[in-house]
Amino acid sequence: MEYTFGGKYKLEEEIAMGGCGTVFQGIHTVAGKEVAIKLEPAVARSSPLQQETKIYKTLQGGPGVPWMMWSGRSGAYNVMVIDLLGPSLEDLFRTCNRHFSLKTVLLIADQLLTRVEYIHSRGLVHRDVKPANFVMSSRAPTESFVNVIDFGLAKKYRDPRTGEHIPYCQDSQHGVGTSLFASINTHFGVESSRRDDLESLAYVLIYLLRGSLPWRKLKGNSTRATWDLIRDKKVETAPLLTVGLPEEFEILYSYVRGLDFSDLPDYEGLRRLFRALAEKKGIKYDGLFDWIRPKHIKEVRAEGAGKTRRCRACEACSKAREEGRS
């Protein structure tokens, strides 16, 4: 069966499934533009997808926030139509054999700090910061631009009328989000605030640079047991988490873990911290991530050695090497 929403957005193939609905690739039937269409059965009085559309409207026009083109109820479904973007950081991480260079992690860190800062500036916390929720733009010239998605768990941390920060509270639940990247306070059931998004971001950056996290493969016999196992491992390994990494990552982790519930984080200070590291290492903020390579450069992996041999014949390759692009 063919489904068309908003009179012009035609449903095509399924591309993802999440907690707030199923995502399909679609197309604008007049302009021919590809879009992403998120569907949720309209059966419950409380709709996570309708809540997410409200968040998108609040953030609309901000840097790295996909443009929402249409939303509403159509037949048996709640529907949201947004920009179709490219692969997520998690997808690209797997493509790169679960290893990103320091340069790529620093390029990512600069943009992610800006995305999180913008969300916070609108009175919201994301509450599910993880590589799968950051996606690249799919077309030139913005293919080096990181976007943030999936606001199904986002929540206001300020009263919209008074501007006051929400009060501190704690319950017996294990928290919200994704256990692999959730903050330690979230594991203990503490209400999320800005510090928790930044602690999750610290885990994301450490994960991408290390290639894994010590608690990645822990699994209990229930969701609650898994959260508890991961919580205990996070607490146990916290002093050693950044061993072997540049000291700036330890500074980041210690800083975000030391923030109080209602503290305003120093986003710009953290960006400067990593930019200083890039300058020290001779790294340029040129948008050339590990997965972006000139098409004429051919790579041959030396088995077991982990080395790469590249074409040295053409002038373009020589220029790329001189600029540090390969």
C-alpha atoms as a PDB file:
ATOM      1  CA  MET A   1       0.000   0.000   0.000  1.00  0.00           C
ATOM      2  CA  GLU A   2       1.093   3.543  -0.688  1.00  0.00           C
ATOM      3  CA  TYR A   3       1.001   6.094   2.112  1.00  0.00           C
ATOM      4  CA  THR A   4       1.249   9.843   1.575  1.00  0.00           C
ATOM      5  CA  PHE A   5       1.316  12.311   4.462  1.00  0.00           C
ATOM      6  CA  GLY A   6       0.658  16.024   4.431  1.00  0.00           C
ATOM      7  CA  GLY A   7      -0.541  15.642   0.859  1.00  0.00           C
ATOM      8  CA  LYS A   8       2.980  15.412  -0.565  1.00  0.00           C
ATOM      9  CA  TYR A   9       5.308  13.181   1.479  1.00  0.00           C
ATOM     10  CA  LYS A  10       5.297   9.635   0.151  1.00  0.00           C
ATOM     11  CA  LEU A  11       6.445   6.744   2.341  1.00  0.00           C
ATOM     12  CA  GLU A  12       9.172   4.464   0.972  1.00  0.00           C
ATOM     13  CA  GLU A  13      11.516   1.987   2.713  1.00  0.00           C
ATOM     14  CA  GLU A  14      12.084   1.526   6.444  1.00  0.00           C
ATOM     15  CA  ILE A  15      15.516   2.688   7.599  1.00  0.00           C
ATOM     16  CA  ALA A  16      15.470   2.602  11.413  1.00  0.00           C
ATOM     17  CA  MET A  17      13.438   1.768  14.490  1.00  0.00           C
ATOM     18  CA  GLY A  18      13.630   3.635  17.778  1.00  0.00           C
ATOM     19  CA  GLY A  19      11.869   4.116  21.062  1.00  0.00           C
ATOM     20  CA  CYS A  20       9.630   6.857  19.663  1.00  0.00           C
ATOM     21  CA  GLY A  21       8.592   5.190  16.422  1.00  0.00           C
ATOM     22  CA  THR A  22       9.788   3.749  13.143  1.00  0.00           C
ATOM     23  CA  VAL A  23      11.731   5.870  10.637  1.00  0.00           C
ATOM     24  CA  PHE A  24      11.201   5.516   6.901  1.00  0.00           C
ATOM     25  CA  GLN A  25      12.824   7.114   3.917  1.00  0.00           C
ATOM     26  CA  GLY A  26      10.327   9.193   1.999  1.00  0.00           C
ATOM     27  CA  ILE A  27      10.134  11.636  -0.862  1.00  0.00           C
ATOM     28  CA  HIS A  28       8.476  14.973  -1.538  1.00  0.00           C
ATOM     29  CA  THR A  29       6.217  14.047  -4.452  1.00  0.00           C
ATOM     30  CA  VAL A  30       6.452  17.501  -6.046  1.00  0.00           C
ATOM     31  CA  ALA A  31      10.043  18.598  -5.439  1.00  0.00           C
ATOM     32  CA  GLY A  32      11.545  15.088  -5.469  1.00  0.00           C
ATOM     33  CA  LYS A  33      13.479  15.802  -2.266  1.00  0.00           C
ATOM     34  CA  GLU A  34      14.258  12.820  -0.040  1.00  0.00           C
ATOM     35  CA  VAL A  35      13.017  13.105   3.551  1.00  0.00           C
ATOM     36  CA  ALA A  36      12.811  11.046   6.732  1.00  0.00           C
ATOM     37  CA  ILE A  37       9.324  10.113   7.946  1.00  0.00           C
ATOM     38  CA  LYS A  38       8.847   8.976  11.528  1.00  0.00           C
ATOM     39  CA  LEU A  39       5.675   7.053  12.356  1.00  0.00           C
ATOM     40  CA  GLU A  40       4.080   6.035  15.634  1.00  0.00           C
ATOM     41  CA  PRO A  41       0.746   4.218  16.045  1.00  0.00           C
ATOM     42  CA  ALA A  42      -1.769   6.730  17.412  1.00  0.00           C
ATOM     43  CA  VAL A  43      -3.129   4.427  20.086  1.00  0.00           C
ATOM     44  CA  ALA A  44      -1.973   5.954  23.381  1.00  0.00           C
ATOM     45  CA  ARG A  45      -3.235   9.158  24.958  1.00  0.00           C
ATOM     46  CA  SER A  46       0.368  10.118  25.714  1.00  0.00           C
ATOM     47  CA  SER A  47       2.364  10.293  22.479  1.00  0.00           C
ATOM     48  CA  PRO A  48       6.199  10.295  22.619  1.00  0.00           C
ATOM     49  CA  LEU A  49       6.330  11.344  18.965  1.00  0.00           C
ATOM     50  CA  GLN A  50       4.025  14.308  19.505  1.00  0.00           C
ATOM     51  CA  GLN A  51       6.224  15.329  22.423  1.00  0.00           C
ATOM     52  CA  GLU A  52       9.282  15.044  20.186  1.00  0.00           C
ATOM     53  CA  THR A  53       7.684  17.274  17.535  1.00  0.00           C
ATOM     54  CA  LYS A  54       7.203  19.958  20.201  1.00  0.00           C
ATOM     55  CA  ILE A  55      10.919  19.736  21.030  1.00  0.00           C
ATOM     56  CA  TYR A  56      11.863  20.070  17.347  1.00  0.00           C
ATOM     57  CA  LYS A  57       9.673  23.175  17.083  1.00  0.00           C
ATOM     58  CA  THR A  58      11.445  24.658  20.126  1.00  0.00           C
ATOM     59  CA  LEU A  59      14.874  23.980  18.597  1.00  0.00           C
ATOM     60  CA  GLN A  60      13.958  24.745  14.969  1.00  0.00           C
ATOM     61  CA  GLY A  61      16.545  26.807  13.124  1.00  0.00           C
ATOM     62  CA  GLY A  62      19.372  26.012  15.522  1.00  0.00           C
ATOM     63  CA  PRO A  63      22.747  24.722  14.288  1.00  0.00           C
ATOM     64  CA  GLY A  64      22.756  20.981  13.684  1.00  0.00           C
ATOM     65  CA  VAL A  65      19.013  20.486  14.272  1.00  0.00           C
ATOM     66  CA  PRO A  66      17.186  18.813  11.347  1.00  0.00           C
ATOM     67  CA  TRP A  67      14.419  20.882   9.803  1.00  0.00           C
ATOM     68  CA  MET A  68      10.932  19.557  10.521  1.00  0.00           C
ATOM     69  CA  MET A  69       8.728  19.992   7.443  1.00  0.00           C
ATOM     70  CA  TRP A  70       5.430  18.524   8.600  1.00  0.00           C
ATOM     71  CA  SER A  71       3.868  16.851  11.606  1.00  0.00           C
ATOM     72  CA  GLY A  72       0.417  15.709  12.623  1.00  0.00           C
ATOM     73  CA  ARG A  73      -1.948  12.784  12.781  1.00  0.00           C
ATOM     74  CA  SER A  74      -2.797  10.862   9.630  1.00  0.00           C
ATOM     75  CA  GLY A  75      -5.188   7.965   9.918  1.00  0.00           C
ATOM     76  CA  ALA A  76      -3.874   5.502  12.498  1.00  0.00           C
ATOM     77  CA  TYR A  77      -0.497   7.208  12.853  1.00  0.00           C
ATOM     78  CA  ASN A  78       1.226  10.178  14.405  1.00  0.00           C
ATOM     79  CA  VAL A  79       3.685  11.464  11.816  1.00  0.00           C
ATOM     80  CA  MET A  80       6.765  13.679  11.712  1.00  0.00           C
ATOM     81  CA  VAL A  81       8.641  14.584   8.512  1.00  0.00           C
ATOM     82  CA  ILE A  82      12.204  15.908   8.841  1.00  0.00           C
ATOM     83  CA  ASP A  83      15.371  16.265   6.774  1.00  0.00           C
ATOM     84  CA  LEU A  84      16.916  13.006   5.635  1.00  0.00           C
ATOM     85  CA  LEU A  85      20.489  12.935   6.923  1.00  0.00           C
ATOM     86  CA  GLY A  86      23.499  10.683   6.522  1.00  0.00           C
ATOM     87  CA  PRO A  87      25.090   7.986   8.704  1.00  0.00           C
ATOM     88  CA  SER A  88      25.428   8.307  12.468  1.00  0.00           C
ATOM     89  CA  LEU A  89      28.736   8.518  14.315  1.00  0.00           C
ATOM     90  CA  GLU A  90      28.099   4.951  15.517  1.00  0.00           C
ATOM     91  CA  ASP A  91      27.698   3.772  11.903  1.00  0.00           C
ATOM     92  CA  LEU A  92      30.879   5.550  10.859  1.00  0.00           C
ATOM     93  CA  PHE A  93      32.758   4.257  13.905  1.00  0.00           C
ATOM     94  CA  ARG A  94      31.997   0.692  12.817  1.00  0.00           C
ATOM     95  CA  THR A  95      32.976   1.529   9.244  1.00  0.00           C
ATOM     96  CA  CYS A  96      36.356   2.694  10.546  1.00  0.00           C
ATOM     97  CA  ASN A  97      36.965  -0.609  12.391  1.00  0.00           C
ATOM     98  CA  ARG A  98      35.916   0.908  15.735  1.00  0.00           C
ATOM     99  CA  HIS A  99      38.783   3.377  15.812  1.00  0.00           C
ATOM    100  CA  PHE A 100      38.838   7.125  15.271  1.00  0.00           C
ATOM    101  CA  SER A 101      42.038   9.150  15.176  1.00  0.00           C
ATOM    102  CA  LEU A 102      42.632  11.905  17.714  1.00  0.00           C
ATOM    103  CA  LYS A 103      42.013  14.443  14.953  1.00  0.00           C
ATOM    104  CA  THR A 104      38.573  13.061  14.165  1.00  0.00           C
ATOM    105  CA  VAL A 105      37.598  12.919  17.856  1.00  0.00           C
ATOM    106  CA  LEU A 106      38.666  16.553  18.339  1.00  0.00           C
ATOM    107  CA  LEU A 107      36.709  17.658  15.260  1.00  0.00           C
ATOM    108  CA  ILE A 108      33.680  15.808  16.616  1.00  0.00           C
ATOM    109  CA  ALA A 109      34.124  17.196  20.150  1.00  0.00           C
ATOM    110  CA  ASP A 110      34.099  20.792  18.928  1.00  0.00           C
ATOM    111  CA  GLN A 111      30.768  20.356  17.159  1.00  0.00           C
ATOM    112  CA  LEU A 112      29.106  18.202  19.818  1.00  0.00           C
ATOM    113  CA  LEU A 113      29.874  20.692  22.562  1.00  0.00           C
ATOM    114  CA  THR A 114      28.201  23.355  20.422  1.00  0.00           C
ATOM    115  CA  ARG A 115      25.140  21.167  19.768  1.00  0.00           C
ATOM    116  CA  VAL A 116      24.677  20.351  23.442  1.00  0.00           C
ATOM    117  CA  GLU A 117      25.197  23.985  24.420  1.00  0.00           C
ATOM    118  CA  TYR A 118      22.455  25.072  22.006  1.00  0.00           C
ATOM    119  CA  ILE A 119      19.992  22.492  23.356  1.00  0.00           C
ATOM    120  CA  HIS A 120      20.722  23.673  26.896  1.00  0.00           C
ATOM    121  CA  SER A 121      20.329  27.314  25.866  1.00  0.00           C
ATOM    122  CA  ARG A 122      16.727  26.506  24.917  1.00  0.00           C
ATOM    123  CA  GLY A 123      16.010  25.222  28.423  1.00  0.00           C
ATOM    124  CA  LEU A 124      16.247  21.529  27.501  1.00  0.00           C
ATOM    125  CA  VAL A 125      18.410  18.537  28.332  1.00  0.00           C
ATOM    126  CA  HIS A 126      18.688  15.787  25.701  1.00  0.00           C
ATOM    127  CA  ARG A 127      18.994  12.854  28.154  1.00  0.00           C
ATOM    128  CA  ASP A 128      20.188  10.368  25.513  1.00  0.00           C
ATOM    129  CA  VAL A 129      23.556  11.626  24.270  1.00  0.00           C
ATOM    130  CA  LYS A 130      25.218   8.780  22.337  1.00  0.00           C
ATOM    131  CA  PRO A 131      26.999   8.276  18.974  1.00  0.00           C
ATOM    132  CA  ALA A 132      23.847   6.907  17.320  1.00  0.00           C
ATOM    133  CA  ASN A 133      22.049  10.208  17.968  1.00  0.00           C
ATOM    134  CA  PHE A 134      24.590  12.332  16.116  1.00  0.00           C
ATOM    135  CA  VAL A 135      24.366  12.080  12.334  1.00  0.00           C
ATOM    136  CA  MET A 136      26.255  13.638   9.479  1.00  0.00           C
ATOM    137  CA  SER A 137      24.696  15.794   6.790  1.00  0.00           C
ATOM    138  CA  SER A 138      24.262  13.784   3.616  1.00  0.00           C
ATOM    139  CA  ARG A 139      25.100  16.328   0.926  1.00  0.00           C
ATOM    140  CA  ALA A 140      27.925  18.691   0.029  1.00  0.00           C
ATOM    141  CA  PRO A 141      28.923  21.250   1.113  1.00  0.00           C
ATOM    142  CA  THR A 142      27.747  20.313   4.622  1.00  0.00           C
ATOM    143  CA  GLU A 143      28.919  16.669   4.723  1.00  0.00           C
ATOM    144  CA  SER A 144      31.305  17.590   7.566  1.00  0.00           C
ATOM    145  CA  PHE A 145      28.455  18.990   9.666  1.00  0.00           C
ATOM    146  CA  VAL A 146      27.267  16.984  12.685  1.00  0.00           C
ATOM    147  CA  ASN A 147      23.541  17.025  13.490  1.00  0.00           C
ATOM    148  CA  VAL A 148      21.736  15.945  16.650  1.00  0.00           C
ATOM    149  CA  ILE A 149      18.545  13.859  16.490  1.00  0.00           C
ATOM    150  CA  ASP A 150      16.101  11.820  18.596  1.00  0.00           C
ATOM    151  CA  PHE A 151      14.593  14.144  21.176  1.00  0.00           C
ATOM    152  CA  GLY A 152      12.104  11.576  22.438  1.00  0.00           C
ATOM    153  CA  LEU A 153      13.587  11.699  25.952  1.00  0.00           C
ATOM    154  CA  ALA A 154      14.402  15.431  26.027  1.00  0.00           C
ATOM    155  CA  LYS A 155      12.996  17.389  28.942  1.00  0.00           C
ATOM    156  CA  LYS A 156      12.913  20.948  30.218  1.00  0.00           C
ATOM    157  CA  TYR A 157      15.294  21.706  33.066  1.00  0.00           C
ATOM    158  CA  ARG A 158      13.902  25.207  33.593  1.00  0.00           C
ATOM    159  CA  ASP A 159      10.393  26.347  34.394  1.00  0.00           C
ATOM    160  CA  PRO A 160       9.305  28.084  31.156  1.00  0.00           C
ATOM    161  CA  ARG A 161       7.403  30.747  33.084  1.00  0.00           C
ATOM    162  CA  THR A 162       9.823  31.627  35.894  1.00  0.00           C
ATOM    163  CA  GLY A 163      13.125  30.517  34.343  1.00  0.00           C
ATOM    164  CA  GLU A 164      14.019  28.729  37.567  1.00  0.00           C
ATOM    165  CA  HIS A 165      16.002  25.506  37.461  1.00  0.00           C
ATOM    166  CA  ILE A 166      14.037  22.349  38.278  1.00  0.00           C
ATOM    167  CA  PRO A 167      14.542  21.101  41.853  1.00  0.00           C
ATOM    168  CA  TYR A 168      16.918  18.275  42.681  1.00  0.00           C
ATOM    169  CA  CYS A 169      15.176  14.939  43.145  1.00  0.00           C
ATOM    170  CA  GLN A 170      16.072  11.273  43.225  1.00  0.00           C
ATOM    171  CA  ASP A 171      14.050   8.073  43.032  1.00  0.00           C
ATOM    172  CA  SER A 172      14.733   4.349  42.956  1.00  0.00           C
ATOM    173  CA  GLN A 173      14.582   3.978  39.178  1.00  0.00           C
ATOM    174  CA  HIS A 174      17.729   3.266  37.189  1.00  0.00           C
ATOM    175  CA  GLY A 175      17.380   6.370  35.050  1.00  0.00           C
ATOM    176  CA  VAL A 176      16.687   7.210  31.420  1.00  0.00           C
ATOM    177  CA  GLY A 177      18.654   7.053  28.197  1.00  0.00           C
ATOM    178  CA  THR A 178      21.197   4.459  27.132  1.00  0.00           C
ATOM    179  CA  SER A 179      23.030   2.645  29.916  1.00  0.00           C
ATOM    180  CA  LEU A 180      26.363   2.581  28.046  1.00  0.00           C
ATOM    181  CA  PHE A 181      26.589   6.400  28.040  1.00  0.00           C
ATOM    182  CA  ALA A 182      24.337   7.437  30.931  1.00  0.00           C
ATOM    183  CA  SER A 183      25.880   9.523  33.717  1.00  0.00           C
ATOM    184  CA  ILE A 184      26.596   7.935  37.072  1.00  0.00           C
ATOM    185  CA  ASN A 185      24.032  10.209  38.733  1.00  0.00           C
ATOM    186  CA  THR A 186      21.443   9.010  36.229  1.00  0.00           C
ATOM    187  CA  HIS A 187      22.217   5.421  37.247  1.00  0.00           C
ATOM    188  CA  PHE A 188      21.399   6.382  40.818  1.00  0.00           C
ATOM    189  CA  GLY A 189      18.037   7.816  39.771  1.00  0.00           C
ATOM    190  CA  VAL A 190      18.965  11.491  40.094  1.00  0.00           C
ATOM    191  CA  GLU A 191      16.965  13.881  37.907  1.00  0.00           C
ATOM    192  CA  SER A 192      18.940  14.856  34.783  1.00  0.00           C
ATOM    193  CA  SER A 193      20.416  18.308  34.322  1.00  0.00           C
ATOM    194  CA  ARG A 194      23.013  19.897  32.043  1.00  0.00           C
ATOM    195  CA  ARG A 195      25.916  18.154  33.765  1.00  0.00           C
ATOM    196  CA  ASP A 196      24.515  14.736  32.808  1.00  0.00           C
ATOM    197  CA  ASP A 197      24.419  15.493  29.075  1.00  0.00           C
ATOM    198  CA  LEU A 198      28.066  16.572  29.325  1.00  0.00           C
ATOM    199  CA  GLU A 199      29.098  13.478  31.277  1.00  0.00           C
ATOM    200  CA  SER A 200      27.433  11.360  28.585  1.00  0.00           C
ATOM    201  CA  LEU A 201      29.326  13.382  25.982  1.00  0.00           C
ATOM    202  CA  ALA A 202      32.591  12.660  27.819  1.00  0.00           C
ATOM    203  CA  TYR A 203      31.830   8.920  27.631  1.00  0.00           C
ATOM    204  CA  VAL A 204      31.090   9.296  23.906  1.00  0.00           C
ATOM    205  CA  LEU A 205      34.439  10.963  23.191  1.00  0.00           C
ATOM    206  CA  ILE A 206      36.390   8.477  25.330  1.00  0.00           C
ATOM    207  CA  TYR A 207      34.554   5.597  23.629  1.00  0.00           C
ATOM    208  CA  LEU A 208      35.400   6.884  20.151  1.00  0.00           C
ATOM    209  CA  LEU A 209      39.071   7.412  21.027  1.00  0.00           C
ATOM    210  CA  ARG A 210      39.593   4.210  23.048  1.00  0.00           C
ATOM    211  CA  GLY A 211      37.492   2.051  20.754  1.00  0.00           C
ATOM    212  CA  SER A 212      35.345   0.782  23.618  1.00  0.00           C
ATOM    213  CA  LEU A 213      34.352   1.323  27.252  1.00  0.00           C
ATOM    214  CA  PRO A 214      35.120  -1.083  30.148  1.00  0.00           C
ATOM    215  CA  TRP A 215      31.407  -1.798  30.702  1.00  0.00           C
ATOM    216  CA  ARG A 216      30.409  -2.194  27.046  1.00  0.00           C
ATOM    217  CA  LYS A 217      29.741  -5.947  27.132  1.00  0.00           C
ATOM    218  CA  LEU A 218      28.198  -6.214  30.598  1.00  0.00           C
ATOM    219  CA  LYS A 219      24.725  -7.709  30.584  1.00  0.00           C
ATOM    220  CA  GLY A 220      22.480  -8.835  33.441  1.00  0.00           C
ATOM    221  CA  ASN A 221      19.423 -11.054  33.413  1.00  0.00           C
ATOM    222  CA  SER A 222      17.127  -8.017  33.301  1.00  0.00           C
ATOM    223  CA  THR A 223      17.262  -4.386  32.210  1.00  0.00           C
ATOM    224  CA  ARG A 224      17.565  -3.261  35.825  1.00  0.00           C
ATOM    225  CA  ALA A 225      20.381  -5.748  36.483  1.00  0.00           C
ATOM    226  CA  THR A 226      22.269  -4.537  33.400  1.00  0.00           C
ATOM    227  CA  TRP A 227      21.978  -0.915  34.502  1.00  0.00           C
ATOM    228  CA  ASP A 228      23.242  -1.842  37.966  1.00  0.00           C
ATOM    229  CA  LEU A 229      26.209  -3.807  36.599  1.00  0.00           C
ATOM    230  CA  ILE A 230      27.211  -0.945  34.336  1.00  0.00           C
ATOM    231  CA  ARG A 231      26.770   1.587  37.158  1.00  0.00           C
ATOM    232  CA  ASP A 232      29.078  -0.364  39.457  1.00  0.00           C
ATOM    233  CA  LYS A 233      31.688  -0.737  36.708  1.00  0.00           C
ATOM    234  CA  LYS A 234      31.578   2.985  35.947  1.00  0.00           C
ATOM    235  CA  VAL A 235      32.155   3.846  39.591  1.00  0.00           C
ATOM    236  CA  GLU A 236      34.960   1.277  39.867  1.00  0.00           C
ATOM    237  CA  THR A 237      36.830   2.316  36.721  1.00  0.00           C
ATOM    238  CA  ALA A 238      36.287   6.095  36.917  1.00  0.00           C
ATOM    239  CA  PRO A 239      39.844   6.813  38.229  1.00  0.00           C
ATOM    240  CA  LEU A 240      41.386   4.829  35.361  1.00  0.00           C
ATOM    241  CA  LEU A 241      39.009   5.646  32.508  1.00  0.00           C
ATOM    242  CA  THR A 242      41.266   8.134  30.715  1.00  0.00           C
ATOM    243  CA  VAL A 243      44.625   6.428  31.358  1.00  0.00           C
ATOM    244  CA  GLY A 244      46.664   6.515  28.142  1.00  0.00           C
ATOM    245  CA  LEU A 245      44.643   9.336  26.618  1.00  0.00           C
ATOM    246  CA  PRO A 246      45.757  12.979  26.351  1.00  0.00           C
ATOM    247  CA  GLU A 247      45.338  14.698  29.719  1.00  0.00           C
ATOM    248  CA  GLU A 248      42.655  16.980  28.294  1.00  0.00           C
ATOM    249  CA  PHE A 249      40.208  14.057  28.381  1.00  0.00           C
ATOM    250  CA  GLU A 250      40.883  13.549  32.074  1.00  0.00           C
ATOM    251  CA  ILE A 251      40.316  17.296  32.611  1.00  0.00           C
ATOM    252  CA  LEU A 252      36.987  17.045  30.763  1.00  0.00           C
ATOM    253  CA  TYR A 253      35.848  13.994  32.717  1.00  0.00           C
ATOM    254  CA  SER A 254      36.873  15.380  36.097  1.00  0.00           C
ATOM    255  CA  TYR A 255      35.237  18.711  35.302  1.00  0.00           C
ATOM    256  CA  VAL A 256      31.840  17.323  34.283  1.00  0.00           C
ATOM    257  CA  ARG A 257      31.808  14.816  37.158  1.00  0.00           C
ATOM    258  CA  GLY A 258      32.455  17.710  39.550  1.00  0.00           C
ATOM    259  CA  LEU A 259      29.575  19.898  38.372  1.00  0.00           C
ATOM    260  CA  ASP A 260      26.708  20.471  40.777  1.00  0.00           C
ATOM    261  CA  PHE A 261      23.101  19.781  39.786  1.00  0.00           C
ATOM    262  CA  SER A 262      22.228  23.328  38.647  1.00  0.00           C
ATOM    263  CA  ASP A 263      25.685  24.521  37.517  1.00  0.00           C
ATOM    264  CA  LEU A 264      26.100  26.302  34.179  1.00  0.00           C
ATOM    265  CA  PRO A 265      28.870  24.422  32.323  1.00  0.00           C
ATOM    266  CA  ASP A 266      31.734  26.301  30.667  1.00  0.00           C
ATOM    267  CA  TYR A 267      31.155  25.075  27.116  1.00  0.00           C
ATOM    268  CA  GLU A 268      33.523  27.589  25.553  1.00  0.00           C
ATOM    269  CA  GLY A 269      36.264  26.693  28.029  1.00  0.00           C
ATOM    270  CA  LEU A 270      35.945  23.029  27.046  1.00  0.00           C
ATOM    271  CA  ARG A 271      36.115  23.913  23.352  1.00  0.00           C
ATOM    272  CA  ARG A 272      39.261  25.952  24.008  1.00  0.00           C
ATOM    273  CA  LEU A 273      40.729  23.033  25.952  1.00  0.00           C
ATOM    274  CA  PHE A 274      40.462  20.715  22.969  1.00  0.00           C
ATOM    275  CA  ARG A 275      41.433  23.356  20.425  1.00  0.00           C
ATOM    276  CA  ALA A 276      44.637  23.932  22.388  1.00  0.00           C
ATOM    277  CA  LEU A 277      45.312  20.187  22.229  1.00  0.00           C
ATOM    278  CA  ALA A 278      44.749  20.264  18.464  1.00  0.00           C
ATOM    279  CA  GLU A 279      47.193  23.155  18.102  1.00  0.00           C
ATOM    280  CA  LYS A 280      49.759  21.315  20.215  1.00  0.00           C
ATOM    281  CA  LYS A 281      49.421  18.233  17.980  1.00  0.00           C
ATOM    282  CA  GLY A 282      49.417  20.218  14.733  1.00  0.00           C
ATOM    283  CA  ILE A 283      45.830  19.231  13.940  1.00  0.00           C
ATOM    284  CA  LYS A 284      43.787  21.438  11.600  1.00  0.00           C
ATOM    285  CA  TYR A 285      40.046  21.930  11.975  1.00  0.00           C
ATOM    286  CA  ASP A 286      39.509  21.319   8.269  1.00  0.00           C
ATOM    287  CA  GLY A 287      36.482  19.032   8.374  1.00  0.00           C
ATOM    288  CA  LEU A 288      38.425  16.034   7.063  1.00  0.00           C
ATOM    289  CA  PHE A 289      37.304  13.160   9.279  1.00  0.00           C
ATOM    290  CA  ASP A 290      38.729   9.646   9.111  1.00  0.00           C
ATOM    291  CA  TRP A 291      35.935   8.510   6.791  1.00  0.00           C
ATOM    292  CA  ILE A 292      36.482  11.355   4.305  1.00  0.00           C
ATOM    293  CA  ARG A 293      39.241  10.568   1.842  1.00  0.00           C
ATOM    294  CA  PRO A 294      40.099  11.828  -1.643  1.00  0.00           C
ATOM    295  CA  LYS A 295      38.614   9.270  -4.034  1.00  0.00           C
ATOM    296  CA  HIS A 296      41.845   8.888  -5.991  1.00  0.00           C
ATOM    297  CA  ILE A 297      43.783   7.643  -2.931  1.00  0.00           C
ATOM    298  CA  LYS A 298      43.825   3.849  -2.834  1.00  0.00           C
ATOM    299  CA  GLU A 299      44.560   2.087   0.433  1.00  0.00           C
ATOM    300  CA  VAL A 300      45.932  -1.406   0.918  1.00  0.00           C
ATOM    301  CA  ARG A 301      45.975  -2.785   4.453  1.00  0.00           C
ATOM    302  CA  ALA A 302      49.120  -4.738   5.301  1.00  0.00           C
ATOM    303  CA  GLU A 303      47.788  -7.872   6.959  1.00  0.00           C
ATOM    304  CA  GLY A 304      48.603  -8.021  10.658  1.00  0.00           C
ATOM    305  CA  ALA A 305      50.738  -4.883  10.547  1.00  0.00           C
ATOM    306  CA  GLY A 306      47.916  -2.346  10.706  1.00  0.00           C
ATOM    307  CA  LYS A 307      49.757  -0.156   8.203  1.00  0.00           C
ATOM    308  CA  THR A 308      48.409   1.555   5.108  1.00  0.00           C
ATOM    309  CA  ARG A 309      50.142   1.884   1.749  1.00  0.00           C
ATOM    310  CA  ARG A 310      48.899   4.715  -0.448  1.00  0.00           C
ATOM    311  CA  CYS A 311      49.261   5.690  -4.055  1.00  0.00           C
ATOM    312  CA  ARG A 312      52.341   7.908  -4.470  1.00  0.00           C
ATOM    313  CA  ALA A 313      52.213   8.425  -8.200  1.00  0.00           C
ATOM    314  CA  CYS A 314      50.018  11.450  -8.784  1.00  0.00           C
ATOM    315  CA  GLU A 315      50.498  15.088  -7.922  1.00  0.00           C
ATOM    316  CA  ALA A 316      47.148  15.223  -6.113  1.00  0.00           C
ATOM    317  CA  CYS A 317      48.231  12.467  -3.721  1.00  0.00           C
ATOM    318  CA  SER A 318      51.468  14.287  -2.941  1.00  0.00           C
ATOM    319  CA  LYS A 319      49.558  17.475  -2.243  1.00  0.00           C
ATOM    320  CA  ALA A 320      47.132  15.627   0.037  1.00  0.00           C
ATOM    321  CA  ARG A 321      50.018  14.152   2.020  1.00  0.00           C
ATOM    322  CA  GLU A 322      51.647  17.569   2.381  1.00  0.00           C
ATOM    323  CA  GLU A 323      48.397  19.004   3.752  1.00  0.00           C
ATOM    324  CA  GLY A 324      48.007  16.107   6.164  1.00  0.00           C
ATOM    325  CA  ARG A 325      44.828  14.948   4.499  1.00  0.00           C
ATOM    326  CA  SER A 326      45.771  11.306   4.082  1.00  0.00           C
END
